[in-house]
């Protein structure tokens, strides 16, 4: 309903450990609604997909990764690696994931830290059926974050609302030289009302960095 907003999409974000013959790598594992983010998220634009394809909502055991992570792990589209972690019941989970596609934003450090799976996959993997940990809101232009936060805060008093500068401080230097990326990644994170603070506590048990 806010004129500054280009799109909003539900997500599940956790930390994870991806392993391949080339080593083990700590990553943020982000479950997304692919169809909702495809029109507005820079990682999904055809010119930035260097191998394979973007995700679909029906994907299971499929992952979408950045070129930086692909190089570090020694994998490409169609290759497989292991994702290891625990779900919300402290049960150890291990799943073999196939690389659906690889994106390249020319930000290798950021790309090495982030991988994407479908929201349905994340809900199943982490025993969060029907739940979400956050909503990402993509704005039409940079600089409107605080105005949007100010309007949303009274509507979600028990939730945490942050700008991309707070959530992704490492992006500021990179985005300073990539205006187009700034426009797409100009986001605020909104923890869903009614789930927000509960999910923050719950995510303390969703730790994929398990040996």
C-alpha atoms as a PDB file:
ATOM      1  CA  UNK A   1       0.000   0.000   0.000  1.00  0.00           C
ATOM      2  CA  UNK A   2       2.982   2.352   0.375  1.00  0.00           C
ATOM      3  CA  UNK A   3       3.937   4.274  -2.778  1.00  0.00           C
ATOM      4  CA  UNK A   4       7.679   3.826  -2.135  1.00  0.00           C
ATOM      5  CA  UNK A   5       7.417   0.026  -2.282  1.00  0.00           C
ATOM      6  CA  UNK A   6       8.202  -1.899  -5.452  1.00  0.00           C
ATOM      7  CA  UNK A   7       7.571  -5.379  -4.032  1.00  0.00           C
ATOM      8  CA  UNK A   8       7.380  -7.405  -0.820  1.00  0.00           C
ATOM      9  CA  UNK A   9       8.244 -11.064  -0.431  1.00  0.00           C
ATOM     10  CA  UNK A  10       8.299 -13.589   2.398  1.00  0.00           C
ATOM     11  CA  UNK A  11      11.564 -15.250   3.391  1.00  0.00           C
ATOM     12  CA  UNK A  12      13.168 -17.681   5.801  1.00  0.00           C
ATOM     13  CA  UNK A  13      16.762 -16.747   6.569  1.00  0.00           C
ATOM     14  CA  UNK A  14      19.193 -18.896   8.559  1.00  0.00           C
ATOM     15  CA  UNK A  15      22.912 -19.471   8.782  1.00  0.00           C
ATOM     16  CA  UNK A  16      24.194 -22.652   7.214  1.00  0.00           C
ATOM     17  CA  UNK A  17      27.153 -24.850   6.357  1.00  0.00           C
ATOM     18  CA  UNK A  18      27.666 -26.026   2.792  1.00  0.00           C
ATOM     19  CA  UNK A  19      30.262 -28.723   2.164  1.00  0.00           C
ATOM     20  CA  UNK A  20      31.955 -29.938  -1.001  1.00  0.00           C
ATOM     21  CA  UNK A  21      35.205 -31.779  -1.749  1.00  0.00           C
ATOM     22  CA  UNK A  22      36.869 -28.345  -1.775  1.00  0.00           C
ATOM     23  CA  UNK A  23      35.882 -27.588   1.829  1.00  0.00           C
ATOM     24  CA  UNK A  24      33.148 -26.396   4.182  1.00  0.00           C
ATOM     25  CA  UNK A  25      31.718 -22.906   3.871  1.00  0.00           C
ATOM     26  CA  UNK A  26      29.514 -20.919   6.231  1.00  0.00           C
ATOM     27  CA  UNK A  27      26.654 -19.277   4.360  1.00  0.00           C
ATOM     28  CA  UNK A  28      23.341 -17.545   4.845  1.00  0.00           C
ATOM     29  CA  UNK A  29      20.634 -19.842   3.526  1.00  0.00           C
ATOM     30  CA  UNK A  30      17.681 -17.782   2.309  1.00  0.00           C
ATOM     31  CA  UNK A  31      14.339 -19.330   1.425  1.00  0.00           C
ATOM     32  CA  UNK A  32      12.544 -17.055  -1.042  1.00  0.00           C
ATOM     33  CA  UNK A  33       9.364 -16.811  -3.104  1.00  0.00           C
ATOM     34  CA  UNK A  34      11.026 -17.013  -6.545  1.00  0.00           C
ATOM     35  CA  UNK A  35       8.097 -15.742  -8.587  1.00  0.00           C
ATOM     36  CA  UNK A  36       7.688 -12.733  -6.302  1.00  0.00           C
ATOM     37  CA  UNK A  37      11.348 -11.749  -6.392  1.00  0.00           C
ATOM     38  CA  UNK A  38      12.164 -12.565 -10.009  1.00  0.00           C
ATOM     39  CA  UNK A  39      10.901  -9.252 -11.467  1.00  0.00           C
ATOM     40  CA  UNK A  40      12.749  -7.040  -8.965  1.00  0.00           C
ATOM     41  CA  UNK A  41      15.720  -8.892  -7.494  1.00  0.00           C
ATOM     42  CA  UNK A  42      19.005  -8.284  -9.280  1.00  0.00           C
ATOM     43  CA  UNK A  43      20.181 -11.871  -8.792  1.00  0.00           C
ATOM     44  CA  UNK A  44      17.263 -13.121 -10.904  1.00  0.00           C
ATOM     45  CA  UNK A  45      17.843 -10.903 -13.941  1.00  0.00           C
ATOM     46  CA  UNK A  46      18.815 -12.900 -17.062  1.00  0.00           C
ATOM     47  CA  UNK A  47      21.958 -10.873 -17.692  1.00  0.00           C
ATOM     48  CA  UNK A  48      23.280 -11.823 -14.229  1.00  0.00           C
ATOM     49  CA  UNK A  49      22.616 -15.574 -14.530  1.00  0.00           C
ATOM     50  CA  UNK A  50      25.895 -17.041 -15.766  1.00  0.00           C
ATOM     51  CA  UNK A  51      24.956 -20.724 -15.555  1.00  0.00           C
ATOM     52  CA  UNK A  52      21.744 -22.725 -15.215  1.00  0.00           C
ATOM     53  CA  UNK A  53      18.551 -20.966 -14.149  1.00  0.00           C
ATOM     54  CA  UNK A  54      16.800 -19.112 -11.352  1.00  0.00           C
ATOM     55  CA  UNK A  55      14.649 -20.964  -8.809  1.00  0.00           C
ATOM     56  CA  UNK A  56      10.952 -21.836  -9.053  1.00  0.00           C
ATOM     57  CA  UNK A  57       8.463 -22.283  -6.213  1.00  0.00           C
ATOM     58  CA  UNK A  58       8.231 -26.010  -6.972  1.00  0.00           C
ATOM     59  CA  UNK A  59      11.985 -26.596  -6.623  1.00  0.00           C
ATOM     60  CA  UNK A  60      13.086 -29.107  -4.006  1.00  0.00           C
ATOM     61  CA  UNK A  61      16.704 -30.010  -3.261  1.00  0.00           C
ATOM     62  CA  UNK A  62      17.729 -27.170  -5.574  1.00  0.00           C
ATOM     63  CA  UNK A  63      19.916 -24.199  -4.684  1.00  0.00           C
ATOM     64  CA  UNK A  64      20.842 -20.941  -6.411  1.00  0.00           C
ATOM     65  CA  UNK A  65      24.309 -19.615  -5.607  1.00  0.00           C
ATOM     66  CA  UNK A  66      26.651 -16.757  -6.444  1.00  0.00           C
ATOM     67  CA  UNK A  67      29.706 -17.101  -8.643  1.00  0.00           C
ATOM     68  CA  UNK A  68      31.972 -16.398  -5.670  1.00  0.00           C
ATOM     69  CA  UNK A  69      30.603 -19.396  -3.768  1.00  0.00           C
ATOM     70  CA  UNK A  70      30.595 -21.580  -6.869  1.00  0.00           C
ATOM     71  CA  UNK A  71      34.304 -20.913  -7.401  1.00  0.00           C
ATOM     72  CA  UNK A  72      35.156 -21.462  -3.739  1.00  0.00           C
ATOM     73  CA  UNK A  73      33.253 -24.769  -3.635  1.00  0.00           C
ATOM     74  CA  UNK A  74      34.365 -25.920  -7.074  1.00  0.00           C
ATOM     75  CA  UNK A  75      30.801 -26.468  -8.295  1.00  0.00           C
ATOM     76  CA  UNK A  76      28.632 -25.322 -11.170  1.00  0.00           C
ATOM     77  CA  UNK A  77      25.077 -25.718 -12.466  1.00  0.00           C
ATOM     78  CA  UNK A  78      23.979 -29.328 -12.150  1.00  0.00           C
ATOM     79  CA  UNK A  79      26.602 -30.198  -9.520  1.00  0.00           C
ATOM     80  CA  UNK A  80      25.676 -31.302  -6.018  1.00  0.00           C
ATOM     81  CA  UNK A  81      26.884 -30.507  -2.514  1.00  0.00           C
ATOM     82  CA  UNK A  82      25.831 -31.191   1.061  1.00  0.00           C
ATOM     83  CA  UNK A  83      23.910 -28.794   3.294  1.00  0.00           C
ATOM     84  CA  UNK A  84      24.179 -29.734   6.978  1.00  0.00           C
ATOM     85  CA  UNK A  85      22.352 -28.358  10.000  1.00  0.00           C
ATOM     86  CA  UNK A  86      19.637 -28.774  12.608  1.00  0.00           C
ATOM     87  CA  UNK A  87      15.940 -28.012  12.471  1.00  0.00           C
ATOM     88  CA  UNK A  88      13.793 -26.330  15.096  1.00  0.00           C
ATOM     89  CA  UNK A  89      13.599 -29.573  17.091  1.00  0.00           C
ATOM     90  CA  UNK A  90      17.399 -29.846  17.327  1.00  0.00           C
ATOM     91  CA  UNK A  91      17.344 -32.769  14.922  1.00  0.00           C
ATOM     92  CA  UNK A  92      20.388 -33.053  12.697  1.00  0.00           C
ATOM     93  CA  UNK A  93      19.528 -32.546   9.039  1.00  0.00           C
ATOM     94  CA  UNK A  94      21.685 -33.273   6.026  1.00  0.00           C
ATOM     95  CA  UNK A  95      20.484 -32.729   2.490  1.00  0.00           C
ATOM     96  CA  UNK A  96      22.160 -33.106  -0.874  1.00  0.00           C
ATOM     97  CA  UNK A  97      21.454 -30.005  -2.946  1.00  0.00           C
ATOM     98  CA  UNK A  98      21.749 -29.595  -6.720  1.00  0.00           C
ATOM     99  CA  UNK A  99      22.905 -26.249  -8.084  1.00  0.00           C
ATOM    100  CA  UNK A 100      20.044 -24.917 -10.208  1.00  0.00           C
ATOM    101  CA  UNK A 101      21.955 -21.858 -11.313  1.00  0.00           C
ATOM    102  CA  UNK A 102      24.761 -19.410 -10.650  1.00  0.00           C
ATOM    103  CA  UNK A 103      24.476 -15.616 -10.574  1.00  0.00           C
ATOM    104  CA  UNK A 104      27.234 -13.031 -10.865  1.00  0.00           C
ATOM    105  CA  UNK A 105      26.947  -9.502  -9.426  1.00  0.00           C
ATOM    106  CA  UNK A 106      30.690  -8.933  -9.510  1.00  0.00           C
ATOM    107  CA  UNK A 107      30.615  -8.964  -5.683  1.00  0.00           C
ATOM    108  CA  UNK A 108      32.484 -12.209  -4.898  1.00  0.00           C
ATOM    109  CA  UNK A 109      32.742 -11.649  -1.136  1.00  0.00           C
ATOM    110  CA  UNK A 110      28.989 -11.122  -0.833  1.00  0.00           C
ATOM    111  CA  UNK A 111      28.230 -13.982  -3.226  1.00  0.00           C
ATOM    112  CA  UNK A 112      30.312 -16.392  -1.134  1.00  0.00           C
ATOM    113  CA  UNK A 113      28.134 -15.697   1.898  1.00  0.00           C
ATOM    114  CA  UNK A 114      24.675 -16.226   0.417  1.00  0.00           C
ATOM    115  CA  UNK A 115      22.715 -19.068  -1.150  1.00  0.00           C
ATOM    116  CA  UNK A 116      19.034 -19.245  -2.075  1.00  0.00           C
ATOM    117  CA  UNK A 117      16.443 -22.018  -1.926  1.00  0.00           C
ATOM    118  CA  UNK A 118      12.682 -21.960  -2.453  1.00  0.00           C
ATOM    119  CA  UNK A 119      10.521 -20.934   0.504  1.00  0.00           C
ATOM    120  CA  UNK A 120       8.769 -24.320   0.440  1.00  0.00           C
ATOM    121  CA  UNK A 121      12.123 -26.072   0.623  1.00  0.00           C
ATOM    122  CA  UNK A 122      13.170 -23.950   3.602  1.00  0.00           C
ATOM    123  CA  UNK A 123       9.880 -24.567   5.416  1.00  0.00           C
ATOM    124  CA  UNK A 124      10.289 -28.314   4.985  1.00  0.00           C
ATOM    125  CA  UNK A 125      14.006 -28.417   5.769  1.00  0.00           C
ATOM    126  CA  UNK A 126      13.743 -26.401   8.993  1.00  0.00           C
ATOM    127  CA  UNK A 127      10.357 -27.734  10.183  1.00  0.00           C
ATOM    128  CA  UNK A 128       8.723 -24.332   9.693  1.00  0.00           C
ATOM    129  CA  UNK A 129       5.708 -25.470   7.684  1.00  0.00           C
ATOM    130  CA  UNK A 130       3.447 -22.525   6.901  1.00  0.00           C
ATOM    131  CA  UNK A 131       5.763 -20.072   8.670  1.00  0.00           C
ATOM    132  CA  UNK A 132       8.076 -17.263   7.655  1.00  0.00           C
ATOM    133  CA  UNK A 133      10.826 -15.487   9.569  1.00  0.00           C
ATOM    134  CA  UNK A 134      10.786 -12.192   7.703  1.00  0.00           C
ATOM    135  CA  UNK A 135       9.518 -10.135   4.813  1.00  0.00           C
ATOM    136  CA  UNK A 136      11.886  -8.322   2.483  1.00  0.00           C
ATOM    137  CA  UNK A 137      10.557  -5.054   1.108  1.00  0.00           C
ATOM    138  CA  UNK A 138      12.194  -3.720  -2.041  1.00  0.00           C
ATOM    139  CA  UNK A 139      11.864   0.008  -2.588  1.00  0.00           C
ATOM    140  CA  UNK A 140      11.637   1.928  -5.838  1.00  0.00           C
ATOM    141  CA  UNK A 141      14.704   3.999  -5.025  1.00  0.00           C
ATOM    142  CA  UNK A 142      17.424   4.359  -2.443  1.00  0.00           C
ATOM    143  CA  UNK A 143      17.002   6.773   0.458  1.00  0.00           C
ATOM    144  CA  UNK A 144      13.351   6.039   1.309  1.00  0.00           C
ATOM    145  CA  UNK A 145      14.069   3.401   3.927  1.00  0.00           C
ATOM    146  CA  UNK A 146      13.573   5.508   7.041  1.00  0.00           C
ATOM    147  CA  UNK A 147      10.298   6.992   5.754  1.00  0.00           C
ATOM    148  CA  UNK A 148       8.916   3.504   5.147  1.00  0.00           C
ATOM    149  CA  UNK A 149      10.155   2.227   8.503  1.00  0.00           C
ATOM    150  CA  UNK A 150       8.469   5.158  10.238  1.00  0.00           C
ATOM    151  CA  UNK A 151       5.133   4.262   8.640  1.00  0.00           C
ATOM    152  CA  UNK A 152       5.438   0.549   9.368  1.00  0.00           C
ATOM    153  CA  UNK A 153       6.679   0.704  12.960  1.00  0.00           C
ATOM    154  CA  UNK A 154       3.305   1.603  14.573  1.00  0.00           C
ATOM    155  CA  UNK A 155       1.612  -1.223  12.655  1.00  0.00           C
ATOM    156  CA  UNK A 156       4.054  -3.876  13.906  1.00  0.00           C
ATOM    157  CA  UNK A 157       5.042  -2.818  17.445  1.00  0.00           C
ATOM    158  CA  UNK A 158       6.310  -6.290  18.418  1.00  0.00           C
ATOM    159  CA  UNK A 159       8.406  -6.813  15.303  1.00  0.00           C
ATOM    160  CA  UNK A 160      11.879  -5.728  14.291  1.00  0.00           C
ATOM    161  CA  UNK A 161      12.205  -3.506  11.228  1.00  0.00           C
ATOM    162  CA  UNK A 162      15.660  -2.779   9.827  1.00  0.00           C
ATOM    163  CA  UNK A 163      17.143  -1.196   6.722  1.00  0.00           C
ATOM    164  CA  UNK A 164      19.605  -2.914   4.410  1.00  0.00           C
ATOM    165  CA  UNK A 165      22.400  -0.816   5.908  1.00  0.00           C
ATOM    166  CA  UNK A 166      21.812  -2.519   9.263  1.00  0.00           C
ATOM    167  CA  UNK A 167      21.388  -6.043   7.876  1.00  0.00           C
ATOM    168  CA  UNK A 168      24.063  -5.920   5.195  1.00  0.00           C
ATOM    169  CA  UNK A 169      26.742  -3.418   6.259  1.00  0.00           C
ATOM    170  CA  UNK A 170      29.298  -5.172   4.064  1.00  0.00           C
ATOM    171  CA  UNK A 171      27.281  -4.125   1.003  1.00  0.00           C
ATOM    172  CA  UNK A 172      27.778  -0.394   1.457  1.00  0.00           C
ATOM    173  CA  UNK A 173      31.231  -0.195  -0.124  1.00  0.00           C
ATOM    174  CA  UNK A 174      30.268  -2.488  -2.974  1.00  0.00           C
ATOM    175  CA  UNK A 175      27.008  -0.702  -3.614  1.00  0.00           C
ATOM    176  CA  UNK A 176      28.777   2.630  -3.642  1.00  0.00           C
ATOM    177  CA  UNK A 177      30.138   1.669  -7.042  1.00  0.00           C
ATOM    178  CA  UNK A 178      27.108  -0.221  -8.339  1.00  0.00           C
ATOM    179  CA  UNK A 179      24.140   2.151  -8.607  1.00  0.00           C
ATOM    180  CA  UNK A 180      21.901  -0.441 -10.206  1.00  0.00           C
ATOM    181  CA  UNK A 181      22.508  -2.864  -7.394  1.00  0.00           C
ATOM    182  CA  UNK A 182      21.708  -0.111  -4.909  1.00  0.00           C
ATOM    183  CA  UNK A 183      18.282   0.325  -6.436  1.00  0.00           C
ATOM    184  CA  UNK A 184      17.437  -3.363  -6.244  1.00  0.00           C
ATOM    185  CA  UNK A 185      18.964  -4.075  -2.854  1.00  0.00           C
ATOM    186  CA  UNK A 186      17.442  -0.985  -1.247  1.00  0.00           C
ATOM    187  CA  UNK A 187      15.456  -3.056   1.210  1.00  0.00           C
ATOM    188  CA  UNK A 188      14.101  -3.121   4.721  1.00  0.00           C
ATOM    189  CA  UNK A 189      13.583  -6.302   6.670  1.00  0.00           C
ATOM    190  CA  UNK A 190      10.172  -6.757   8.318  1.00  0.00           C
ATOM    191  CA  UNK A 191       9.627  -9.604  10.752  1.00  0.00           C
ATOM    192  CA  UNK A 192       6.023 -10.705  10.294  1.00  0.00           C
ATOM    193  CA  UNK A 193       3.593  -9.536  12.988  1.00  0.00           C
ATOM    194  CA  UNK A 194       2.535 -12.387  15.223  1.00  0.00           C
ATOM    195  CA  UNK A 195       5.610 -14.422  14.266  1.00  0.00           C
ATOM    196  CA  UNK A 196       8.298 -11.775  14.567  1.00  0.00           C
ATOM    197  CA  UNK A 197       9.719 -12.012  18.073  1.00  0.00           C
ATOM    198  CA  UNK A 198       8.784 -15.682  18.410  1.00  0.00           C
ATOM    199  CA  UNK A 199      10.706 -16.486  15.267  1.00  0.00           C
ATOM    200  CA  UNK A 200      13.723 -14.492  16.420  1.00  0.00           C
ATOM    201  CA  UNK A 201      13.897 -16.730  19.472  1.00  0.00           C
ATOM    202  CA  UNK A 202      13.149 -19.819  17.394  1.00  0.00           C
ATOM    203  CA  UNK A 203      15.932 -19.066  14.965  1.00  0.00           C
ATOM    204  CA  UNK A 204      18.381 -19.327  17.823  1.00  0.00           C
ATOM    205  CA  UNK A 205      17.878 -23.087  17.475  1.00  0.00           C
ATOM    206  CA  UNK A 206      18.103 -23.143  13.682  1.00  0.00           C
ATOM    207  CA  UNK A 207      21.881 -23.315  13.467  1.00  0.00           C
ATOM    208  CA  UNK A 208      23.164 -24.936  10.303  1.00  0.00           C
ATOM    209  CA  UNK A 209      26.797 -24.491  11.281  1.00  0.00           C
ATOM    210  CA  UNK A 210      26.889 -27.956  12.785  1.00  0.00           C
ATOM    211  CA  UNK A 211      29.917 -30.113  12.156  1.00  0.00           C
END
